[in-house]
Amino acid sequence: MKIITNNPQVLKLAARWRALSASEQKTLSWGAAILLPALIYALLWQPAFIAVGKLQKNLPPLRAQLAQMKIQSDEFQTLRQHAQPAVLDGASLKKIVQNAATQQGWAAPAFVLELTEQNDVRFIAESVVFPRLLTFLRDLDATHHIRVGTISVSPSSAQGVVKISGTLTSGAEQ
């Protein structure tokens, strides 16, 4: 057997192999033939098999969570695009939103409302449960025709809780 390499470690190993007797080479070959499948099982197949089991266990809840998030996103877009006429000045708009926020249990400093120059209401909240936010916005749209003008939603450290900022506007202004 001729070895074509310049690696000194491989050349040293090949020289050592050639120095072994035929029975030693045969014993080492059999040992390698028995040890190699055991190593493949222990280092490759078994960890992969365990990982597949974990994925099969964790994937359905993640898919369900994704489906719920898509439904909520679609609802959010519907609320944002659903314009209904309403005639409200900025102060009235802020008062209605403030009353609705108070009914949800949201108050300053956790839920801040500001009147903008365009007679919109800017809202900022650091910690809001997302389904409650959707209910809040849906109720404002259904009862007062107040809808989302702009919104920014980012995840919070707690599951299902978000940080939000955006503007609410009268449906007639769109």
N, C-alpha and C. Protein backbone atom coordinates (compact mmCIF):
# COMPACT_ATOMS: atom_id res chain seq x y z
N MET A 1 0.85 -1.16 0.00
CA MET A 1 0.00 0.00 0.00
C MET A 1 0.90 1.23 0.00
N LYS A 2 0.66 2.12 -1.00
CA LYS A 2 1.47 3.32 -1.13
C LYS A 2 0.65 4.52 -0.66
N ILE A 3 1.24 5.34 0.20
CA ILE A 3 0.57 6.50 0.74
C ILE A 3 1.15 7.74 0.10
N ILE A 4 0.24 8.59 -0.46
CA ILE A 4 0.67 9.81 -1.12
C ILE A 4 0.26 10.98 -0.24
N THR A 5 1.20 11.48 0.56
CA THR A 5 0.96 12.63 1.42
C THR A 5 2.28 13.17 1.91
N ASN A 6 2.27 14.41 2.30
CA ASN A 6 3.46 15.02 2.88
C ASN A 6 3.29 15.25 4.37
N ASN A 7 2.16 14.85 4.92
CA ASN A 7 1.89 15.05 6.32
C ASN A 7 2.78 14.10 7.13
N PRO A 8 3.63 14.65 7.99
CA PRO A 8 4.55 13.79 8.73
C PRO A 8 3.84 12.85 9.71
N GLN A 9 2.71 13.25 10.24
CA GLN A 9 2.00 12.39 11.18
C GLN A 9 1.41 11.17 10.46
N VAL A 10 0.89 11.40 9.25
CA VAL A 10 0.34 10.28 8.48
C VAL A 10 1.46 9.35 8.06
N LEU A 11 2.57 9.89 7.65
CA LEU A 11 3.71 9.06 7.26
C LEU A 11 4.23 8.24 8.44
N LYS A 12 4.25 8.84 9.62
CA LYS A 12 4.70 8.15 10.83
C LYS A 12 3.74 7.01 11.18
N LEU A 13 2.42 7.29 11.05
CA LEU A 13 1.42 6.28 11.35
C LEU A 13 1.50 5.13 10.35
N ALA A 14 1.72 5.44 9.07
CA ALA A 14 1.84 4.40 8.04
C ALA A 14 3.07 3.54 8.28
N ALA A 15 4.15 4.15 8.68
CA ALA A 15 5.37 3.39 8.98
C ALA A 15 5.15 2.48 10.18
N ARG A 16 4.43 2.96 11.15
CA ARG A 16 4.15 2.15 12.34
C ARG A 16 3.25 0.97 11.96
N TRP A 17 2.26 1.21 11.08
CA TRP A 17 1.36 0.14 10.63
C TRP A 17 2.15 -0.94 9.89
N ARG A 18 3.05 -0.51 9.02
CA ARG A 18 3.86 -1.50 8.27
C ARG A 18 4.79 -2.28 9.20
N ALA A 19 5.15 -1.70 10.33
CA ALA A 19 6.04 -2.40 11.27
C ALA A 19 5.30 -3.48 12.05
N LEU A 20 3.95 -3.44 12.05
CA LEU A 20 3.19 -4.45 12.78
C LEU A 20 3.20 -5.77 11.99
N SER A 21 3.07 -6.85 12.73
CA SER A 21 2.99 -8.17 12.07
C SER A 21 1.60 -8.32 11.46
N ALA A 22 1.43 -9.30 10.60
CA ALA A 22 0.16 -9.53 9.91
C ALA A 22 -0.95 -9.85 10.91
N SER A 23 -0.67 -10.62 11.95
CA SER A 23 -1.70 -10.95 12.94
C SER A 23 -2.10 -9.71 13.74
N GLU A 24 -1.16 -8.83 14.02
CA GLU A 24 -1.49 -7.59 14.74
C GLU A 24 -2.34 -6.67 13.86
N GLN A 25 -1.98 -6.60 12.57
CA GLN A 25 -2.76 -5.80 11.65
C GLN A 25 -4.19 -6.34 11.54
N LYS A 26 -4.31 -7.67 11.49
CA LYS A 26 -5.63 -8.30 11.40
C LYS A 26 -6.45 -8.03 12.66
N THR A 27 -5.83 -8.13 13.83
CA THR A 27 -6.52 -7.88 15.10
C THR A 27 -6.99 -6.43 15.18
N LEU A 28 -6.13 -5.50 14.80
CA LEU A 28 -6.50 -4.09 14.81
C LEU A 28 -7.61 -3.81 13.79
N SER A 29 -7.58 -4.44 12.64
CA SER A 29 -8.62 -4.26 11.62
C SER A 29 -9.97 -4.75 12.15
N TRP A 30 -9.98 -5.93 12.79
CA TRP A 30 -11.22 -6.45 13.38
C TRP A 30 -11.73 -5.53 14.50
N GLY A 31 -10.82 -5.05 15.32
CA GLY A 31 -11.20 -4.14 16.40
C GLY A 31 -11.83 -2.85 15.86
N ALA A 32 -11.22 -2.33 14.79
CA ALA A 32 -11.76 -1.12 14.17
C ALA A 32 -13.13 -1.41 13.55
N ALA A 33 -13.30 -2.59 12.95
CA ALA A 33 -14.57 -2.95 12.33
C ALA A 33 -15.69 -3.07 13.38
N ILE A 34 -15.33 -3.49 14.58
CA ILE A 34 -16.32 -3.61 15.65
C ILE A 34 -16.54 -2.25 16.33
N LEU A 35 -15.49 -1.49 16.53
CA LEU A 35 -15.58 -0.22 17.24
C LEU A 35 -16.23 0.89 16.39
N LEU A 36 -15.99 0.89 15.10
CA LEU A 36 -16.51 1.95 14.24
C LEU A 36 -18.05 2.03 14.26
N PRO A 37 -18.79 0.93 14.09
CA PRO A 37 -20.25 1.05 14.19
C PRO A 37 -20.73 1.53 15.57
N ALA A 38 -20.05 1.09 16.62
CA ALA A 38 -20.44 1.53 17.96
C ALA A 38 -20.23 3.04 18.12
N LEU A 39 -19.13 3.55 17.58
CA LEU A 39 -18.88 4.98 17.64
C LEU A 39 -19.89 5.76 16.79
N ILE A 40 -20.20 5.24 15.61
CA ILE A 40 -21.19 5.90 14.75
C ILE A 40 -22.53 5.96 15.46
N TYR A 41 -22.93 4.88 16.10
CA TYR A 41 -24.19 4.86 16.84
C TYR A 41 -24.17 5.87 17.98
N ALA A 42 -23.11 5.83 18.78
CA ALA A 42 -23.06 6.67 19.98
C ALA A 42 -22.88 8.15 19.66
N LEU A 43 -22.13 8.47 18.62
CA LEU A 43 -21.82 9.87 18.35
C LEU A 43 -22.70 10.51 17.28
N LEU A 44 -23.30 9.72 16.41
CA LEU A 44 -24.09 10.30 15.33
C LEU A 44 -25.57 9.94 15.41
N TRP A 45 -25.87 8.64 15.34
CA TRP A 45 -27.26 8.23 15.21
C TRP A 45 -28.08 8.53 16.46
N GLN A 46 -27.60 8.14 17.63
CA GLN A 46 -28.37 8.33 18.86
C GLN A 46 -28.66 9.81 19.15
N PRO A 47 -27.68 10.73 19.08
CA PRO A 47 -28.02 12.15 19.30
C PRO A 47 -29.02 12.68 18.26
N ALA A 48 -28.89 12.25 17.01
CA ALA A 48 -29.83 12.69 15.99
C ALA A 48 -31.23 12.16 16.28
N PHE A 49 -31.32 10.91 16.72
CA PHE A 49 -32.61 10.30 17.04
C PHE A 49 -33.28 11.04 18.20
N ILE A 50 -32.51 11.40 19.21
CA ILE A 50 -33.05 12.14 20.36
C ILE A 50 -33.51 13.54 19.92
N ALA A 51 -32.72 14.19 19.06
CA ALA A 51 -33.09 15.53 18.58
C ALA A 51 -34.38 15.50 17.77
N VAL A 52 -34.56 14.47 16.96
CA VAL A 52 -35.79 14.35 16.17
C VAL A 52 -36.99 14.18 17.11
N GLY A 53 -36.83 13.40 18.16
CA GLY A 53 -37.92 13.23 19.14
C GLY A 53 -38.29 14.54 19.81
N LYS A 54 -37.27 15.32 20.17
CA LYS A 54 -37.54 16.62 20.79
C LYS A 54 -38.24 17.55 19.82
N LEU A 55 -37.81 17.55 18.56
CA LEU A 55 -38.45 18.40 17.56
C LEU A 55 -39.90 17.98 17.33
N GLN A 56 -40.15 16.68 17.28
CA GLN A 56 -41.53 16.21 17.09
C GLN A 56 -42.41 16.61 18.27
N LYS A 57 -41.83 16.69 19.44
CA LYS A 57 -42.58 17.09 20.63
C LYS A 57 -42.82 18.61 20.66
N ASN A 58 -41.82 19.40 20.29
CA ASN A 58 -41.89 20.86 20.41
C ASN A 58 -42.53 21.54 19.21
N LEU A 59 -42.53 20.92 18.05
CA LEU A 59 -43.01 21.57 16.84
C LEU A 59 -44.52 21.84 16.82
N PRO A 60 -45.40 20.91 17.23
CA PRO A 60 -46.84 21.21 17.20
C PRO A 60 -47.25 22.43 18.04
N PRO A 61 -46.76 22.59 19.27
CA PRO A 61 -47.14 23.81 20.00
C PRO A 61 -46.62 25.08 19.32
N LEU A 62 -45.44 25.01 18.73
CA LEU A 62 -44.92 26.18 18.03
C LEU A 62 -45.76 26.51 16.80
N ARG A 63 -46.21 25.48 16.08
CA ARG A 63 -47.08 25.71 14.92
C ARG A 63 -48.42 26.29 15.36
N ALA A 64 -48.96 25.82 16.47
CA ALA A 64 -50.22 26.37 16.98
C ALA A 64 -50.04 27.83 17.39
N GLN A 65 -48.92 28.14 18.00
CA GLN A 65 -48.63 29.52 18.39
C GLN A 65 -48.50 30.40 17.16
N LEU A 66 -47.85 29.89 16.11
CA LEU A 66 -47.72 30.65 14.87
C LEU A 66 -49.08 30.90 14.24
N ALA A 67 -49.94 29.89 14.24
CA ALA A 67 -51.28 30.06 13.68
C ALA A 67 -52.06 31.12 14.45
N GLN A 68 -51.96 31.10 15.77
CA GLN A 68 -52.64 32.10 16.59
C GLN A 68 -52.09 33.50 16.31
N MET A 69 -50.78 33.62 16.15
CA MET A 69 -50.18 34.90 15.84
C MET A 69 -50.63 35.41 14.47
N LYS A 70 -50.79 34.51 13.49
CA LYS A 70 -51.27 34.92 12.17
C LYS A 70 -52.71 35.40 12.26
N ILE A 71 -53.55 34.73 13.03
CA ILE A 71 -54.94 35.15 13.21
C ILE A 71 -54.97 36.54 13.85
N GLN A 72 -54.16 36.75 14.88
CA GLN A 72 -54.12 38.04 15.55
C GLN A 72 -53.58 39.13 14.62
N SER A 73 -52.60 38.79 13.81
CA SER A 73 -52.06 39.75 12.85
C SER A 73 -53.11 40.14 11.82
N ASP A 74 -53.85 39.16 11.32
CA ASP A 74 -54.93 39.45 10.36
C ASP A 74 -55.99 40.34 10.99
N GLU A 75 -56.34 40.05 12.23
CA GLU A 75 -57.32 40.87 12.93
C GLU A 75 -56.80 42.29 13.12
N PHE A 76 -55.53 42.40 13.45
CA PHE A 76 -54.91 43.70 13.62
C PHE A 76 -54.96 44.50 12.33
N GLN A 77 -54.66 43.85 11.20
CA GLN A 77 -54.71 44.53 9.91
C GLN A 77 -56.13 44.94 9.55
N THR A 78 -57.10 44.10 9.87
CA THR A 78 -58.50 44.43 9.62
C THR A 78 -58.91 45.67 10.41
N LEU A 79 -58.50 45.72 11.67
CA LEU A 79 -58.81 46.89 12.50
C LEU A 79 -58.14 48.14 11.94
N ARG A 80 -56.96 47.97 11.43
CA ARG A 80 -56.21 49.12 10.93
C ARG A 80 -56.81 49.65 9.63
N GLN A 81 -57.34 48.78 8.79
CA GLN A 81 -57.84 49.20 7.48
C GLN A 81 -59.33 49.48 7.45
N HIS A 82 -60.04 49.17 8.52
CA HIS A 82 -61.48 49.32 8.56
C HIS A 82 -61.85 50.75 8.97
N ALA A 83 -62.13 51.58 7.98
CA ALA A 83 -62.44 52.98 8.27
C ALA A 83 -63.94 53.16 8.43
N GLN A 84 -64.34 53.77 9.51
CA GLN A 84 -65.74 54.12 9.76
C GLN A 84 -65.80 55.61 10.04
N PRO A 85 -66.78 56.28 9.51
CA PRO A 85 -66.85 57.72 9.76
C PRO A 85 -67.15 58.03 11.22
N ALA A 86 -66.40 58.97 11.74
CA ALA A 86 -66.63 59.47 13.09
C ALA A 86 -66.09 60.88 13.14
N VAL A 87 -66.80 61.76 13.76
CA VAL A 87 -66.37 63.15 13.83
C VAL A 87 -65.99 63.42 15.28
N LEU A 88 -64.69 63.44 15.53
CA LEU A 88 -64.19 63.70 16.88
C LEU A 88 -63.02 64.66 16.79
N ASP A 89 -63.01 65.65 17.66
CA ASP A 89 -61.83 66.50 17.74
C ASP A 89 -60.81 65.79 18.65
N GLY A 90 -59.60 66.34 18.70
CA GLY A 90 -58.52 65.68 19.44
C GLY A 90 -58.82 65.47 20.91
N ALA A 91 -59.40 66.47 21.56
CA ALA A 91 -59.67 66.37 23.00
C ALA A 91 -60.71 65.29 23.28
N SER A 92 -61.76 65.23 22.45
CA SER A 92 -62.79 64.20 22.64
C SER A 92 -62.22 62.82 22.38
N LEU A 93 -61.39 62.72 21.36
CA LEU A 93 -60.75 61.45 21.02
C LEU A 93 -59.89 60.97 22.19
N LYS A 94 -59.10 61.87 22.76
CA LYS A 94 -58.24 61.51 23.88
C LYS A 94 -59.07 61.09 25.09
N LYS A 95 -60.17 61.78 25.35
CA LYS A 95 -61.01 61.45 26.50
C LYS A 95 -61.64 60.07 26.34
N ILE A 96 -62.13 59.76 25.14
CA ILE A 96 -62.73 58.43 24.90
C ILE A 96 -61.68 57.34 25.06
N VAL A 97 -60.49 57.54 24.50
CA VAL A 97 -59.43 56.54 24.60
C VAL A 97 -58.99 56.38 26.06
N GLN A 98 -58.90 57.49 26.78
CA GLN A 98 -58.51 57.44 28.20
C GLN A 98 -59.52 56.64 29.02
N ASN A 99 -60.82 56.88 28.77
CA ASN A 99 -61.86 56.13 29.49
C ASN A 99 -61.79 54.64 29.16
N ALA A 100 -61.60 54.31 27.90
CA ALA A 100 -61.50 52.90 27.50
C ALA A 100 -60.26 52.24 28.12
N ALA A 101 -59.15 52.97 28.16
CA ALA A 101 -57.92 52.43 28.76
C ALA A 101 -58.11 52.22 30.26
N THR A 102 -58.80 53.14 30.91
CA THR A 102 -59.06 53.00 32.35
C THR A 102 -59.92 51.77 32.62
N GLN A 103 -60.90 51.51 31.76
CA GLN A 103 -61.73 50.31 31.91
C GLN A 103 -60.91 49.04 31.75
N GLN A 104 -59.83 49.09 30.97
CA GLN A 104 -58.94 47.94 30.81
C GLN A 104 -57.97 47.81 31.99
N GLY A 105 -57.93 48.84 32.85
CA GLY A 105 -57.01 48.81 33.98
C GLY A 105 -55.67 49.40 33.64
N TRP A 106 -55.60 50.14 32.54
CA TRP A 106 -54.35 50.76 32.12
C TRP A 106 -54.38 52.23 32.53
N ALA A 107 -53.33 52.67 33.17
CA ALA A 107 -53.24 54.07 33.59
C ALA A 107 -51.78 54.50 33.54
N ALA A 108 -51.57 55.81 33.64
CA ALA A 108 -50.22 56.35 33.64
C ALA A 108 -49.50 55.86 34.90
N PRO A 109 -48.24 55.64 34.88
CA PRO A 109 -47.28 55.88 33.81
C PRO A 109 -47.14 54.69 32.85
N ALA A 110 -47.83 53.58 33.13
CA ALA A 110 -47.68 52.40 32.27
C ALA A 110 -48.35 52.59 30.91
N PHE A 111 -49.38 53.42 30.84
CA PHE A 111 -50.10 53.68 29.59
C PHE A 111 -50.22 55.18 29.43
N VAL A 112 -49.51 55.74 28.47
CA VAL A 112 -49.44 57.19 28.30
C VAL A 112 -50.17 57.59 27.03
N LEU A 113 -50.99 58.64 27.13
CA LEU A 113 -51.71 59.20 25.99
C LEU A 113 -51.28 60.65 25.79
N GLU A 114 -51.05 61.02 24.52
CA GLU A 114 -50.68 62.39 24.19
C GLU A 114 -51.49 62.82 22.97
N LEU A 115 -51.93 64.06 22.96
CA LEU A 115 -52.64 64.62 21.82
C LEU A 115 -51.61 65.11 20.82
N THR A 116 -51.77 64.77 19.53
CA THR A 116 -50.82 65.21 18.51
C THR A 116 -51.39 66.43 17.78
N GLU A 117 -50.57 67.03 16.93
CA GLU A 117 -50.98 68.21 16.18
C GLU A 117 -52.08 67.89 15.16
N GLN A 118 -52.16 66.62 14.72
CA GLN A 118 -53.15 66.22 13.73
C GLN A 118 -54.46 65.77 14.37
N ASN A 119 -54.68 66.08 15.63
CA ASN A 119 -55.86 65.65 16.37
C ASN A 119 -55.96 64.13 16.47
N ASP A 120 -54.82 63.49 16.49
CA ASP A 120 -54.74 62.07 16.78
C ASP A 120 -54.30 61.91 18.22
N VAL A 121 -54.40 60.70 18.72
CA VAL A 121 -53.91 60.41 20.07
C VAL A 121 -52.77 59.42 19.95
N ARG A 122 -51.61 59.81 20.47
CA ARG A 122 -50.45 58.92 20.50
C ARG A 122 -50.51 58.15 21.82
N PHE A 123 -50.30 56.83 21.75
CA PHE A 123 -50.29 56.02 22.96
C PHE A 123 -48.99 55.25 23.05
N ILE A 124 -48.52 55.07 24.28
CA ILE A 124 -47.28 54.33 24.55
C ILE A 124 -47.54 53.47 25.77
N ALA A 125 -47.21 52.19 25.66
CA ALA A 125 -47.35 51.28 26.80
C ALA A 125 -46.18 50.31 26.80
N GLU A 126 -45.60 50.09 27.95
CA GLU A 126 -44.44 49.23 28.09
C GLU A 126 -44.79 47.76 28.26
N SER A 127 -45.98 47.47 28.78
CA SER A 127 -46.31 46.08 29.10
C SER A 127 -47.82 45.87 28.95
N VAL A 128 -48.22 45.32 27.79
CA VAL A 128 -49.63 45.09 27.50
C VAL A 128 -49.79 43.64 27.01
N VAL A 129 -50.79 42.96 27.52
CA VAL A 129 -51.10 41.60 27.05
C VAL A 129 -51.72 41.74 25.66
N PHE A 130 -51.13 41.07 24.67
CA PHE A 130 -51.51 41.29 23.28
C PHE A 130 -52.99 41.01 23.00
N PRO A 131 -53.58 39.91 23.45
CA PRO A 131 -55.02 39.72 23.20
C PRO A 131 -55.89 40.83 23.80
N ARG A 132 -55.50 41.35 24.97
CA ARG A 132 -56.26 42.47 25.56
C ARG A 132 -56.12 43.73 24.71
N LEU A 133 -54.94 43.93 24.13
CA LEU A 133 -54.74 45.07 23.23
C LEU A 133 -55.67 44.97 22.04
N LEU A 134 -55.77 43.77 21.45
CA LEU A 134 -56.66 43.59 20.31
C LEU A 134 -58.11 43.85 20.69
N THR A 135 -58.53 43.38 21.85
CA THR A 135 -59.89 43.62 22.32
C THR A 135 -60.13 45.11 22.52
N PHE A 136 -59.18 45.79 23.12
CA PHE A 136 -59.25 47.23 23.34
C PHE A 136 -59.44 47.98 22.02
N LEU A 137 -58.60 47.65 21.02
CA LEU A 137 -58.68 48.33 19.73
C LEU A 137 -59.97 47.99 18.99
N ARG A 138 -60.40 46.73 19.09
CA ARG A 138 -61.66 46.31 18.44
C ARG A 138 -62.85 47.05 19.05
N ASP A 139 -62.85 47.18 20.38
CA ASP A 139 -63.95 47.88 21.05
C ASP A 139 -63.98 49.36 20.68
N LEU A 140 -62.80 49.99 20.60
CA LEU A 140 -62.76 51.39 20.19
C LEU A 140 -63.31 51.57 18.78
N ASP A 141 -62.96 50.65 17.90
CA ASP A 141 -63.44 50.74 16.52
C ASP A 141 -64.94 50.49 16.45
N ALA A 142 -65.42 49.51 17.18
CA ALA A 142 -66.84 49.15 17.10
C ALA A 142 -67.74 50.19 17.76
N THR A 143 -67.31 50.74 18.87
CA THR A 143 -68.20 51.64 19.61
C THR A 143 -68.03 53.11 19.24
N HIS A 144 -66.81 53.53 18.87
CA HIS A 144 -66.56 54.96 18.63
C HIS A 144 -65.95 55.23 17.26
N HIS A 145 -65.76 54.20 16.44
CA HIS A 145 -65.16 54.34 15.11
C HIS A 145 -63.77 54.97 15.18
N ILE A 146 -63.06 54.59 16.22
CA ILE A 146 -61.67 55.03 16.40
C ILE A 146 -60.80 53.88 15.95
N ARG A 147 -59.84 54.18 15.08
CA ARG A 147 -59.01 53.10 14.56
C ARG A 147 -57.54 53.42 14.68
N VAL A 148 -56.74 52.43 14.40
CA VAL A 148 -55.29 52.55 14.49
C VAL A 148 -54.79 53.32 13.28
N GLY A 149 -54.02 54.39 13.53
CA GLY A 149 -53.38 55.12 12.45
C GLY A 149 -52.02 54.52 12.16
N THR A 150 -51.18 54.47 13.18
CA THR A 150 -49.87 53.82 13.08
C THR A 150 -49.67 53.03 14.37
N ILE A 151 -48.84 52.01 14.27
CA ILE A 151 -48.56 51.22 15.48
C ILE A 151 -47.21 50.54 15.34
N SER A 152 -46.55 50.40 16.46
CA SER A 152 -45.30 49.66 16.55
C SER A 152 -45.45 48.70 17.73
N VAL A 153 -45.30 47.43 17.45
CA VAL A 153 -45.44 46.40 18.49
C VAL A 153 -44.13 45.65 18.57
N SER A 154 -43.57 45.53 19.77
CA SER A 154 -42.35 44.74 19.96
C SER A 154 -42.53 43.83 21.15
N PRO A 155 -41.90 42.67 21.11
CA PRO A 155 -42.09 41.71 22.21
C PRO A 155 -41.46 42.19 23.50
N SER A 156 -42.06 41.77 24.58
CA SER A 156 -41.53 42.05 25.91
C SER A 156 -40.87 40.78 26.42
N SER A 157 -40.31 40.83 27.59
CA SER A 157 -39.63 39.65 28.13
C SER A 157 -40.62 38.56 28.54
N ALA A 158 -41.84 38.93 28.89
CA ALA A 158 -42.85 37.94 29.29
C ALA A 158 -43.61 37.45 28.06
N GLN A 159 -44.03 36.20 28.09
CA GLN A 159 -44.73 35.61 26.96
C GLN A 159 -46.13 36.22 26.82
N GLY A 160 -46.48 36.63 25.60
CA GLY A 160 -47.79 37.19 25.32
C GLY A 160 -47.92 38.66 25.68
N VAL A 161 -46.84 39.25 26.19
CA VAL A 161 -46.85 40.66 26.58
C VAL A 161 -46.01 41.44 25.57
N VAL A 162 -46.51 42.62 25.18
CA VAL A 162 -45.81 43.42 24.17
C VAL A 162 -45.63 44.86 24.65
N LYS A 163 -44.69 45.54 24.02
CA LYS A 163 -44.50 46.98 24.18
C LYS A 163 -45.11 47.60 22.93
N ILE A 164 -45.91 48.64 23.10
CA ILE A 164 -46.58 49.23 21.94
C ILE A 164 -46.44 50.74 21.96
N SER A 165 -46.50 51.30 20.77
CA SER A 165 -46.64 52.74 20.61
C SER A 165 -47.34 52.95 19.28
N GLY A 166 -48.09 54.00 19.18
CA GLY A 166 -48.80 54.26 17.94
C GLY A 166 -49.76 55.41 18.08
N THR A 167 -50.59 55.58 17.06
CA THR A 167 -51.58 56.63 17.08
C THR A 167 -52.96 56.05 16.81
N LEU A 168 -53.93 56.66 17.43
CA LEU A 168 -55.34 56.33 17.19
C LEU A 168 -55.97 57.56 16.54
N THR A 169 -56.85 57.31 15.59
CA THR A 169 -57.41 58.41 14.84
C THR A 169 -58.90 58.21 14.62
N SER A 170 -59.57 59.29 14.37
CA SER A 170 -61.00 59.26 14.05
C SER A 170 -61.14 58.67 12.66
N GLY A 171 -62.12 57.79 12.47
CA GLY A 171 -62.32 57.14 11.16
C GLY A 171 -62.65 58.09 10.06
N ALA A 172 -63.23 59.25 10.35
CA ALA A 172 -63.61 60.23 9.33
C ALA A 172 -62.39 60.93 8.73
N GLU A 173 -61.29 60.93 9.44
CA GLU A 173 -60.11 61.65 8.98
C GLU A 173 -59.32 60.87 7.96
N GLN A 174 -59.63 59.64 7.71
CA GLN A 174 -58.82 58.81 6.81
C GLN A 174 -59.24 58.95 5.40
